[in-house]
mmCIF file of all heavy atoms, coordinates in Angstrom:
data_MODEL
# 
_entry.id   MODEL 
# 
loop_
_atom_site.group_PDB 
_atom_site.id 
_atom_site.type_symbol 
_atom_site.label_atom_id 
_atom_site.label_alt_id 
_atom_site.label_comp_id 
_atom_site.label_asym_id 
_atom_site.label_entity_id 
_atom_site.label_seq_id 
_atom_site.pdbx_PDB_ins_code 
_atom_site.Cartn_x 
_atom_site.Cartn_y 
_atom_site.Cartn_z 
_atom_site.occupancy 
_atom_site.B_iso_or_equiv 
_atom_site.pdbx_formal_charge 
_atom_site.auth_seq_id 
_atom_site.auth_comp_id 
_atom_site.auth_asym_id 
_atom_site.auth_atom_id 
_atom_site.pdbx_PDB_model_num 
ATOM 1   N N   . ILE A 1 1  ? 0.799  -1.227 -0.016 1.00 0.00 ? 1  ILE A N   1 
ATOM 2   C CA  . ILE A 1 1  ? -0.056 -0.026 -0.012 1.00 0.00 ? 1  ILE A CA  1 
ATOM 3   C C   . ILE A 1 1  ? 0.863  1.274  -0.003 1.00 0.00 ? 1  ILE A C   1 
ATOM 4   O O   . ILE A 1 1  ? 0.662  2.165  -0.748 1.00 0.00 ? 1  ILE A O   1 
ATOM 5   C CB  . ILE A 1 1  ? -0.995 0.002  1.214  1.00 0.00 ? 1  ILE A CB  1 
ATOM 6   C CG1 . ILE A 1 1  ? -2.020 -1.093 0.974  1.00 0.00 ? 1  ILE A CG1 1 
ATOM 7   C CG2 . ILE A 1 1  ? -1.685 1.333  1.361  1.00 0.00 ? 1  ILE A CG2 1 
ATOM 8   C CD1 . ILE A 1 1  ? -2.921 -1.367 2.102  1.00 0.00 ? 1  ILE A CD1 1 
ATOM 9   N N   . ILE A 1 2  ? 1.874  1.254  0.813  1.00 0.00 ? 2  ILE A N   1 
ATOM 10  C CA  . ILE A 1 2  ? 2.829  2.435  0.894  1.00 0.00 ? 2  ILE A CA  1 
ATOM 11  C C   . ILE A 1 2  ? 3.514  2.611  -0.417 1.00 0.00 ? 2  ILE A C   1 
ATOM 12  O O   . ILE A 1 2  ? 3.695  3.743  -0.912 1.00 0.00 ? 2  ILE A O   1 
ATOM 13  C CB  . ILE A 1 2  ? 3.785  2.271  2.061  1.00 0.00 ? 2  ILE A CB  1 
ATOM 14  C CG1 . ILE A 1 2  ? 3.063  2.249  3.447  1.00 0.00 ? 2  ILE A CG1 1 
ATOM 15  C CG2 . ILE A 1 2  ? 4.874  3.402  2.084  1.00 0.00 ? 2  ILE A CG2 1 
ATOM 16  C CD1 . ILE A 1 2  ? 2.154  3.400  3.717  1.00 0.00 ? 2  ILE A CD1 1 
ATOM 17  N N   . SER A 1 3  ? 3.922  1.502  -1.066 1.00 0.00 ? 3  SER A N   1 
ATOM 18  C CA  . SER A 1 3  ? 4.574  1.623  -2.366 1.00 0.00 ? 3  SER A CA  1 
ATOM 19  C C   . SER A 1 3  ? 3.683  2.243  -3.382 1.00 0.00 ? 3  SER A C   1 
ATOM 20  O O   . SER A 1 3  ? 4.094  3.032  -4.204 1.00 0.00 ? 3  SER A O   1 
ATOM 21  C CB  . SER A 1 3  ? 5.004  0.229  -2.809 1.00 0.00 ? 3  SER A CB  1 
ATOM 22  O OG  . SER A 1 3  ? 6.029  -0.264 -2.007 1.00 0.00 ? 3  SER A OG  1 
ATOM 23  N N   . ILE A 1 4  ? 2.402  1.823  -3.369 1.00 0.00 ? 4  ILE A N   1 
ATOM 24  C CA  . ILE A 1 4  ? 1.479  2.393  -4.337 1.00 0.00 ? 4  ILE A CA  1 
ATOM 25  C C   . ILE A 1 4  ? 1.284  3.854  -4.127 1.00 0.00 ? 4  ILE A C   1 
ATOM 26  O O   . ILE A 1 4  ? 1.281  4.677  -5.095 1.00 0.00 ? 4  ILE A O   1 
ATOM 27  C CB  . ILE A 1 4  ? 0.075  1.617  -4.251 1.00 0.00 ? 4  ILE A CB  1 
ATOM 28  C CG1 . ILE A 1 4  ? 0.258  0.185  -4.715 1.00 0.00 ? 4  ILE A CG1 1 
ATOM 29  C CG2 . ILE A 1 4  ? -0.995 2.389  -5.088 1.00 0.00 ? 4  ILE A CG2 1 
ATOM 30  C CD1 . ILE A 1 4  ? -0.943 -0.699 -4.466 1.00 0.00 ? 4  ILE A CD1 1 
ATOM 31  N N   . LEU A 1 5  ? 1.236  4.242  -2.859 1.00 0.00 ? 5  LEU A N   1 
ATOM 32  C CA  . LEU A 1 5  ? 1.039  5.633  -2.529 1.00 0.00 ? 5  LEU A CA  1 
ATOM 33  C C   . LEU A 1 5  ? 2.314  6.455  -2.897 1.00 0.00 ? 5  LEU A C   1 
ATOM 34  O O   . LEU A 1 5  ? 2.217  7.673  -3.178 1.00 0.00 ? 5  LEU A O   1 
ATOM 35  C CB  . LEU A 1 5  ? 0.614  5.818  -1.062 1.00 0.00 ? 5  LEU A CB  1 
ATOM 36  C CG  . LEU A 1 5  ? -0.750 5.397  -0.697 1.00 0.00 ? 5  LEU A CG  1 
ATOM 37  C CD1 . LEU A 1 5  ? -1.032 5.485  0.762  1.00 0.00 ? 5  LEU A CD1 1 
ATOM 38  C CD2 . LEU A 1 5  ? -1.843 6.010  -1.571 1.00 0.00 ? 5  LEU A CD2 1 
ATOM 39  N N   . GLN A 1 6  ? 3.481  5.797  -2.817 1.00 0.00 ? 6  GLN A N   1 
ATOM 40  C CA  . GLN A 1 6  ? 4.696  6.515  -3.189 1.00 0.00 ? 6  GLN A CA  1 
ATOM 41  C C   . GLN A 1 6  ? 4.689  6.821  -4.666 1.00 0.00 ? 6  GLN A C   1 
ATOM 42  O O   . GLN A 1 6  ? 5.059  7.883  -5.059 1.00 0.00 ? 6  GLN A O   1 
ATOM 43  C CB  . GLN A 1 6  ? 5.956  5.697  -2.818 1.00 0.00 ? 6  GLN A CB  1 
ATOM 44  C CG  . GLN A 1 6  ? 6.265  5.709  -1.355 1.00 0.00 ? 6  GLN A CG  1 
ATOM 45  C CD  . GLN A 1 6  ? 7.382  4.780  -0.940 1.00 0.00 ? 6  GLN A CD  1 
ATOM 46  O OE1 . GLN A 1 6  ? 7.539  3.769  -1.570 1.00 0.00 ? 6  GLN A OE1 1 
ATOM 47  N NE2 . GLN A 1 6  ? 8.074  5.094  0.140  1.00 0.00 ? 6  GLN A NE2 1 
ATOM 48  N N   . VAL A 1 7  ? 4.293  5.815  -5.416 1.00 0.00 ? 7  VAL A N   1 
ATOM 49  C CA  . VAL A 1 7  ? 4.215  6.000  -6.887 1.00 0.00 ? 7  VAL A CA  1 
ATOM 50  C C   . VAL A 1 7  ? 3.216  7.161  -7.237 1.00 0.00 ? 7  VAL A C   1 
ATOM 51  O O   . VAL A 1 7  ? 3.477  7.924  -8.101 1.00 0.00 ? 7  VAL A O   1 
ATOM 52  C CB  . VAL A 1 7  ? 3.809  4.638  -7.595 1.00 0.00 ? 7  VAL A CB  1 
ATOM 53  C CG1 . VAL A 1 7  ? 3.537  4.904  -9.081 1.00 0.00 ? 7  VAL A CG1 1 
ATOM 54  C CG2 . VAL A 1 7  ? 4.908  3.654  -7.458 1.00 0.00 ? 7  VAL A CG2 1 
ATOM 55  N N   . ALA A 1 8  ? 2.123  7.198  -6.489 1.00 0.00 ? 8  ALA A N   1 
ATOM 56  C CA  . ALA A 1 8  ? 1.098  8.166  -6.697 1.00 0.00 ? 8  ALA A CA  1 
ATOM 57  C C   . ALA A 1 8  ? 1.439  9.522  -6.052 1.00 0.00 ? 8  ALA A C   1 
ATOM 58  O O   . ALA A 1 8  ? 0.694  10.452 -6.225 1.00 0.00 ? 8  ALA A O   1 
ATOM 59  C CB  . ALA A 1 8  ? -0.222 7.669  -6.165 1.00 0.00 ? 8  ALA A CB  1 
ATOM 60  N N   . ARG A 1 9  ? 2.594  9.559  -5.384 1.00 0.00 ? 9  ARG A N   1 
ATOM 61  C CA  . ARG A 1 9  ? 3.039  10.774 -4.675 1.00 0.00 ? 9  ARG A CA  1 
ATOM 62  C C   . ARG A 1 9  ? 2.024  11.338 -3.750 1.00 0.00 ? 9  ARG A C   1 
ATOM 63  O O   . ARG A 1 9  ? 1.713  12.564 -3.696 1.00 0.00 ? 9  ARG A O   1 
ATOM 64  C CB  . ARG A 1 9  ? 3.445  11.847 -5.672 1.00 0.00 ? 9  ARG A CB  1 
ATOM 65  C CG  . ARG A 1 9  ? 4.697  11.363 -6.503 1.00 0.00 ? 9  ARG A CG  1 
ATOM 66  C CD  . ARG A 1 9  ? 5.372  12.505 -7.184 1.00 0.00 ? 9  ARG A CD  1 
ATOM 67  N NE  . ARG A 1 9  ? 6.622  12.040 -7.762 1.00 0.00 ? 9  ARG A NE  1 
ATOM 68  C CZ  . ARG A 1 9  ? 6.906  12.265 -9.058 1.00 0.00 ? 9  ARG A CZ  1 
ATOM 69  N NH1 . ARG A 1 9  ? 6.155  12.871 -9.820 1.00 0.00 ? 9  ARG A NH1 1 
ATOM 70  N NH2 . ARG A 1 9  ? 8.128  11.775 -9.429 1.00 0.00 ? 9  ARG A NH2 1 
ATOM 71  N N   . SER A 1 10 ? 1.523  10.454 -2.905 1.00 0.00 ? 10 SER A N   1 
ATOM 72  C CA  . SER A 1 10 ? 0.474  10.800 -1.937 1.00 0.00 ? 10 SER A CA  1 
ATOM 73  C C   . SER A 1 10 ? 1.008  11.713 -0.863 1.00 0.00 ? 10 SER A C   1 
ATOM 74  O O   . SER A 1 10 ? 2.128  11.553 -0.347 1.00 0.00 ? 10 SER A O   1 
ATOM 75  C CB  . SER A 1 10 ? -0.148 9.563  -1.286 1.00 0.00 ? 10 SER A CB  1 
ATOM 76  O OG  . SER A 1 10 ? -0.965 9.881  -0.223 1.00 0.00 ? 10 SER A OG  1 
ATOM 77  N N   . LYS A 1 11 ? 0.255  12.622 -0.446 1.00 0.00 ? 11 LYS A N   1 
ATOM 78  C CA  . LYS A 1 11 ? 0.663  13.559 0.600  1.00 0.00 ? 11 LYS A CA  1 
ATOM 79  C C   . LYS A 1 11 ? 0.518  12.921 2.030  1.00 0.00 ? 11 LYS A C   1 
ATOM 80  O O   . LYS A 1 11 ? 1.081  13.439 2.991  1.00 0.00 ? 11 LYS A O   1 
ATOM 81  C CB  . LYS A 1 11 ? -0.200 14.836 0.591  1.00 0.00 ? 11 LYS A CB  1 
ATOM 82  C CG  . LYS A 1 11 ? -0.027 15.577 -0.773 1.00 0.00 ? 11 LYS A CG  1 
ATOM 83  C CD  . LYS A 1 11 ? -0.227 17.063 -0.564 1.00 0.00 ? 11 LYS A CD  1 
ATOM 84  C CE  . LYS A 1 11 ? -0.198 17.860 -1.890 1.00 0.00 ? 11 LYS A CE  1 
ATOM 85  N NZ  . LYS A 1 11 ? 0.934  17.570 -2.741 1.00 0.00 ? 11 LYS A NZ  1 
ATOM 86  N N   . THR A 1 12 ? -0.175 11.847 2.109  1.00 0.00 ? 12 THR A N   1 
ATOM 87  C CA  . THR A 1 12 ? -0.311 11.137 3.423  1.00 0.00 ? 12 THR A CA  1 
ATOM 88  C C   . THR A 1 12 ? 0.990  10.490 3.864  1.00 0.00 ? 12 THR A C   1 
ATOM 89  O O   . THR A 1 12 ? 1.180  10.169 5.035  1.00 0.00 ? 12 THR A O   1 
ATOM 90  C CB  . THR A 1 12 ? -1.430 10.073 3.351  1.00 0.00 ? 12 THR A CB  1 
ATOM 91  O OG1 . THR A 1 12 ? -1.109 9.116  2.363  1.00 0.00 ? 12 THR A OG1 1 
ATOM 92  C CG2 . THR A 1 12 ? -2.772 10.704 3.134  1.00 0.00 ? 12 THR A CG2 1 
ATOM 93  N N   . LEU A 1 13 ? 1.930  10.257 2.914  1.00 0.00 ? 13 LEU A N   1 
ATOM 94  C CA  . LEU A 1 13 ? 3.159  9.527  3.272  1.00 0.00 ? 13 LEU A CA  1 
ATOM 95  C C   . LEU A 1 13 ? 4.049  10.351 4.222  1.00 0.00 ? 13 LEU A C   1 
ATOM 96  O O   . LEU A 1 13 ? 4.773  9.799  5.025  1.00 0.00 ? 13 LEU A O   1 
ATOM 97  C CB  . LEU A 1 13 ? 3.907  9.237  1.975  1.00 0.00 ? 13 LEU A CB  1 
ATOM 98  C CG  . LEU A 1 13 ? 3.259  8.151  1.115  1.00 0.00 ? 13 LEU A CG  1 
ATOM 99  C CD1 . LEU A 1 13 ? 4.057  7.891  -0.111 1.00 0.00 ? 13 LEU A CD1 1 
ATOM 100 C CD2 . LEU A 1 13 ? 3.088  6.880  1.889  1.00 0.00 ? 13 LEU A CD2 1 
ATOM 101 N N   . LYS A 1 14 ? 3.990  11.642 4.193  1.00 0.00 ? 14 LYS A N   1 
ATOM 102 C CA  . LYS A 1 14 ? 4.793  12.445 5.173  1.00 0.00 ? 14 LYS A CA  1 
ATOM 103 C C   . LYS A 1 14 ? 4.364  12.118 6.519  1.00 0.00 ? 14 LYS A C   1 
ATOM 104 O O   . LYS A 1 14 ? 5.227  11.882 7.410  1.00 0.00 ? 14 LYS A O   1 
ATOM 105 C CB  . LYS A 1 14 ? 4.563  13.987 4.800  1.00 0.00 ? 14 LYS A CB  1 
ATOM 106 C CG  . LYS A 1 14 ? 5.366  14.820 5.688  1.00 0.00 ? 14 LYS A CG  1 
ATOM 107 C CD  . LYS A 1 14 ? 5.194  16.311 5.323  1.00 0.00 ? 14 LYS A CD  1 
ATOM 108 C CE  . LYS A 1 14 ? 6.076  17.177 6.295  1.00 0.00 ? 14 LYS A CE  1 
ATOM 109 N NZ  . LYS A 1 14 ? 5.774  18.609 6.155  1.00 0.00 ? 14 LYS A NZ  1 
ATOM 110 N N   . GLN A 1 15 ? 3.072  12.079 6.842  1.00 0.00 ? 15 GLN A N   1 
ATOM 111 C CA  . GLN A 1 15 ? 2.577  11.754 8.152  1.00 0.00 ? 15 GLN A CA  1 
ATOM 112 C C   . GLN A 1 15 ? 2.954  10.342 8.510  1.00 0.00 ? 15 GLN A C   1 
ATOM 113 O O   . GLN A 1 15 ? 3.328  10.052 9.657  1.00 0.00 ? 15 GLN A O   1 
ATOM 114 C CB  . GLN A 1 15 ? 1.062  11.892 8.190  1.00 0.00 ? 15 GLN A CB  1 
ATOM 115 C CG  . GLN A 1 15 ? 0.589  13.407 8.079  1.00 0.00 ? 15 GLN A CG  1 
ATOM 116 C CD  . GLN A 1 15 ? -0.964 13.371 8.061  1.00 0.00 ? 15 GLN A CD  1 
ATOM 117 O OE1 . GLN A 1 15 ? -1.594 13.018 9.010  1.00 0.00 ? 15 GLN A OE1 1 
ATOM 118 N NE2 . GLN A 1 15 ? -1.529 13.797 6.937  1.00 0.00 ? 15 GLN A NE2 1 
ATOM 119 N N   . TRP A 1 16 ? 2.805  9.447  7.525  1.00 0.00 ? 16 TRP A N   1 
ATOM 120 C CA  . TRP A 1 16 ? 3.125  8.001  7.779  1.00 0.00 ? 16 TRP A CA  1 
ATOM 121 C C   . TRP A 1 16 ? 4.558  7.839  8.156  1.00 0.00 ? 16 TRP A C   1 
ATOM 122 O O   . TRP A 1 16 ? 4.914  7.143  9.116  1.00 0.00 ? 16 TRP A O   1 
ATOM 123 C CB  . TRP A 1 16 ? 2.785  7.233  6.489  1.00 0.00 ? 16 TRP A CB  1 
ATOM 124 C CG  . TRP A 1 16 ? 3.087  5.792  6.651  1.00 0.00 ? 16 TRP A CG  1 
ATOM 125 C CD1 . TRP A 1 16 ? 4.214  5.170  6.151  1.00 0.00 ? 16 TRP A CD1 1 
ATOM 126 C CD2 . TRP A 1 16 ? 2.353  4.820  7.417  1.00 0.00 ? 16 TRP A CD2 1 
ATOM 127 N NE1 . TRP A 1 16 ? 4.163  3.830  6.512  1.00 0.00 ? 16 TRP A NE1 1 
ATOM 128 C CE2 . TRP A 1 16 ? 3.042  3.572  7.261  1.00 0.00 ? 16 TRP A CE2 1 
ATOM 129 C CE3 . TRP A 1 16 ? 1.227  4.893  8.090  1.00 0.00 ? 16 TRP A CE3 1 
ATOM 130 C CZ2 . TRP A 1 16 ? 2.629  2.424  7.860  1.00 0.00 ? 16 TRP A CZ2 1 
ATOM 131 C CZ3 . TRP A 1 16 ? 0.764  3.696  8.737  1.00 0.00 ? 16 TRP A CZ3 1 
ATOM 132 C CH2 . TRP A 1 16 ? 1.431  2.472  8.660  1.00 0.00 ? 16 TRP A CH2 1 
ATOM 133 N N   . LYS A 1 17 ? 5.439  8.467  7.418  1.00 0.00 ? 17 LYS A N   1 
ATOM 134 C CA  . LYS A 1 17 ? 6.886  8.341  7.697  1.00 0.00 ? 17 LYS A CA  1 
ATOM 135 C C   . LYS A 1 17 ? 7.289  8.886  9.053  1.00 0.00 ? 17 LYS A C   1 
ATOM 136 O O   . LYS A 1 17 ? 8.054  8.342  9.838  1.00 0.00 ? 17 LYS A O   1 
ATOM 137 C CB  . LYS A 1 17 ? 7.685  8.984  6.588  1.00 0.00 ? 17 LYS A CB  1 
ATOM 138 C CG  . LYS A 1 17 ? 7.721  8.232  5.331  1.00 0.00 ? 17 LYS A CG  1 
ATOM 139 C CD  . LYS A 1 17 ? 8.491  8.875  4.253  1.00 0.00 ? 17 LYS A CD  1 
ATOM 140 C CE  . LYS A 1 17 ? 8.409  8.064  2.933  1.00 0.00 ? 17 LYS A CE  1 
ATOM 141 N NZ  . LYS A 1 17 ? 9.053  8.738  1.825  1.00 0.00 ? 17 LYS A NZ  1 
ATOM 142 N N   . GLU A 1 18 ? 6.579  9.986  9.439  1.00 0.00 ? 18 GLU A N   1 
ATOM 143 C CA  . GLU A 1 18 ? 6.835  10.608 10.717 1.00 0.00 ? 18 GLU A CA  1 
ATOM 144 C C   . GLU A 1 18 ? 6.452  9.674  11.880 1.00 0.00 ? 18 GLU A C   1 
ATOM 145 O O   . GLU A 1 18 ? 7.174  9.446  12.837 1.00 0.00 ? 18 GLU A O   1 
ATOM 146 C CB  . GLU A 1 18 ? 6.038  11.941 10.792 1.00 0.00 ? 18 GLU A CB  1 
ATOM 147 C CG  . GLU A 1 18 ? 6.208  12.627 12.149 1.00 0.00 ? 18 GLU A CG  1 
ATOM 148 C CD  . GLU A 1 18 ? 5.316  13.927 12.191 1.00 0.00 ? 18 GLU A CD  1 
ATOM 149 O OE1 . GLU A 1 18 ? 5.217  14.649 11.194 1.00 0.00 ? 18 GLU A OE1 1 
ATOM 150 O OE2 . GLU A 1 18 ? 4.657  14.057 13.204 1.00 0.00 ? 18 GLU A OE2 1 
ATOM 151 N N   . LEU A 1 19 ? 5.251  9.059  11.691 1.00 0.00 ? 19 LEU A N   1 
ATOM 152 C CA  . LEU A 1 19 ? 4.765  8.095  12.765 1.00 0.00 ? 19 LEU A CA  1 
ATOM 153 C C   . LEU A 1 19 ? 5.623  6.826  12.771 1.00 0.00 ? 19 LEU A C   1 
ATOM 154 O O   . LEU A 1 19 ? 5.846  6.274  13.867 1.00 0.00 ? 19 LEU A O   1 
ATOM 155 C CB  . LEU A 1 19 ? 3.264  7.792  12.490 1.00 0.00 ? 19 LEU A CB  1 
ATOM 156 C CG  . LEU A 1 19 ? 2.298  8.903  12.838 1.00 0.00 ? 19 LEU A CG  1 
ATOM 157 C CD1 . LEU A 1 19 ? 0.883  8.418  12.537 1.00 0.00 ? 19 LEU A CD1 1 
ATOM 158 C CD2 . LEU A 1 19 ? 2.414  9.254  14.334 1.00 0.00 ? 19 LEU A CD2 1 
ATOM 159 N N   . ASP A 1 20 ? 6.012  6.372  11.569 1.00 0.00 ? 20 ASP A N   1 
ATOM 160 C CA  . ASP A 1 20 ? 6.834  5.202  11.549 1.00 0.00 ? 20 ASP A CA  1 
ATOM 161 C C   . ASP A 1 20 ? 8.114  5.453  12.316 1.00 0.00 ? 20 ASP A C   1 
ATOM 162 O O   . ASP A 1 20 ? 8.591  4.562  13.077 1.00 0.00 ? 20 ASP A O   1 
ATOM 163 C CB  . ASP A 1 20 ? 7.158  4.866  10.056 1.00 0.00 ? 20 ASP A CB  1 
ATOM 164 C CG  . ASP A 1 20 ? 7.878  3.580  9.854  1.00 0.00 ? 20 ASP A CG  1 
ATOM 165 O OD1 . ASP A 1 20 ? 8.012  2.801  10.799 1.00 0.00 ? 20 ASP A OD1 1 
ATOM 166 O OD2 . ASP A 1 20 ? 8.396  3.291  8.786  1.00 0.00 ? 20 ASP A OD2 1 
ATOM 167 N N   . GLY A 1 21 ? 8.716  6.660  12.172 1.00 0.00 ? 21 GLY A N   1 
ATOM 168 C CA  . GLY A 1 21 ? 9.932  7.015  12.909 1.00 0.00 ? 21 GLY A CA  1 
ATOM 169 C C   . GLY A 1 21 ? 9.626  7.075  14.421 1.00 0.00 ? 21 GLY A C   1 
ATOM 170 O O   . GLY A 1 21 ? 10.473 6.534  15.157 1.00 0.00 ? 21 GLY A O   1 
ATOM 171 N N   . LYS A 1 22 ? 8.543  7.572  14.829 1.00 0.00 ? 22 LYS A N   1 
ATOM 172 C CA  . LYS A 1 22 ? 8.184  7.637  16.228 1.00 0.00 ? 22 LYS A CA  1 
ATOM 173 C C   . LYS A 1 22 ? 7.990  6.271  16.865 1.00 0.00 ? 22 LYS A C   1 
ATOM 174 O O   . LYS A 1 22 ? 8.422  6.011  17.979 1.00 0.00 ? 22 LYS A O   1 
ATOM 175 C CB  . LYS A 1 22 ? 6.972  8.507  16.420 1.00 0.00 ? 22 LYS A CB  1 
ATOM 176 C CG  . LYS A 1 22 ? 7.207  9.997  16.269 1.00 0.00 ? 22 LYS A CG  1 
ATOM 177 C CD  . LYS A 1 22 ? 5.905  10.791 16.494 1.00 0.00 ? 22 LYS A CD  1 
ATOM 178 C CE  . LYS A 1 22 ? 6.216  12.261 16.315 1.00 0.00 ? 22 LYS A CE  1 
ATOM 179 N NZ  . LYS A 1 22 ? 4.945  13.080 16.554 1.00 0.00 ? 22 LYS A NZ  1 
ATOM 180 N N   . ILE A 1 23 ? 7.401  5.394  16.061 1.00 0.00 ? 23 ILE A N   1 
ATOM 181 C CA  . ILE A 1 23 ? 7.144  4.080  16.557 1.00 0.00 ? 23 ILE A CA  1 
ATOM 182 C C   . ILE A 1 23 ? 8.522  3.332  16.756 1.00 0.00 ? 23 ILE A C   1 
ATOM 183 O O   . ILE A 1 23 ? 8.732  2.666  17.700 1.00 0.00 ? 23 ILE A O   1 
ATOM 184 C CB  . ILE A 1 23 ? 6.239  3.234  15.653 1.00 0.00 ? 23 ILE A CB  1 
ATOM 185 C CG1 . ILE A 1 23 ? 4.853  3.849  15.702 1.00 0.00 ? 23 ILE A CG1 1 
ATOM 186 C CG2 . ILE A 1 23 ? 6.247  1.734  15.972 1.00 0.00 ? 23 ILE A CG2 1 
ATOM 187 C CD1 . ILE A 1 23 ? 3.987  3.321  14.542 1.00 0.00 ? 23 ILE A CD1 1 
ATOM 188 N N   . THR A 1 24 ? 9.376  3.498  15.756 1.00 0.00 ? 24 THR A N   1 
ATOM 189 C CA  . THR A 1 24 ? 10.706 2.844  15.842 1.00 0.00 ? 24 THR A CA  1 
ATOM 190 C C   . THR A 1 24 ? 11.493 3.410  17.072 1.00 0.00 ? 24 THR A C   1 
ATOM 191 O O   . THR A 1 24 ? 12.143 2.616  17.749 1.00 0.00 ? 24 THR A O   1 
ATOM 192 C CB  . THR A 1 24 ? 11.466 3.169  14.516 1.00 0.00 ? 24 THR A CB  1 
ATOM 193 O OG1 . THR A 1 24 ? 10.744 2.720  13.429 1.00 0.00 ? 24 THR A OG1 1 
ATOM 194 C CG2 . THR A 1 24 ? 12.880 2.574  14.516 1.00 0.00 ? 24 THR A CG2 1 
ATOM 195 N N   . ILE A 1 25 ? 11.407 4.692  17.299 1.00 0.00 ? 25 ILE A N   1 
ATOM 196 C CA  . ILE A 1 25 ? 12.054 5.240  18.493 1.00 0.00 ? 25 ILE A CA  1 
ATOM 197 C C   . ILE A 1 25 ? 11.518 4.640  19.773 1.00 0.00 ? 25 ILE A C   1 
ATOM 198 O O   . ILE A 1 25 ? 12.271 4.299  20.674 1.00 0.00 ? 25 ILE A O   1 
ATOM 199 C CB  . ILE A 1 25 ? 11.966 6.813  18.459 1.00 0.00 ? 25 ILE A CB  1 
ATOM 200 C CG1 . ILE A 1 25 ? 12.820 7.396  17.375 1.00 0.00 ? 25 ILE A CG1 1 
ATOM 201 C CG2 . ILE A 1 25 ? 12.324 7.416  19.845 1.00 0.00 ? 25 ILE A CG2 1 
ATOM 202 C CD1 . ILE A 1 25 ? 12.535 8.849  17.074 1.00 0.00 ? 25 ILE A CD1 1 
ATOM 203 N N   . ALA A 1 26 ? 10.166 4.612  19.890 1.00 0.00 ? 26 ALA A N   1 
ATOM 204 C CA  . ALA A 1 26 ? 9.573  4.051  21.031 1.00 0.00 ? 26 ALA A CA  1 
ATOM 205 C C   . ALA A 1 26 ? 9.909  2.605  21.274 1.00 0.00 ? 26 ALA A C   1 
ATOM 206 O O   . ALA A 1 26 ? 10.141 2.137  22.374 1.00 0.00 ? 26 ALA A O   1 
ATOM 207 C CB  . ALA A 1 26 ? 8.015  4.237  20.920 1.00 0.00 ? 26 ALA A CB  1 
# 
């Protein structure tokens, strides 16, 4: 799903990547 959204240049990915980073830190 994330790959498809990357190809589509979705704006939701910025929020997704931010949260992914926070989860990894936690």
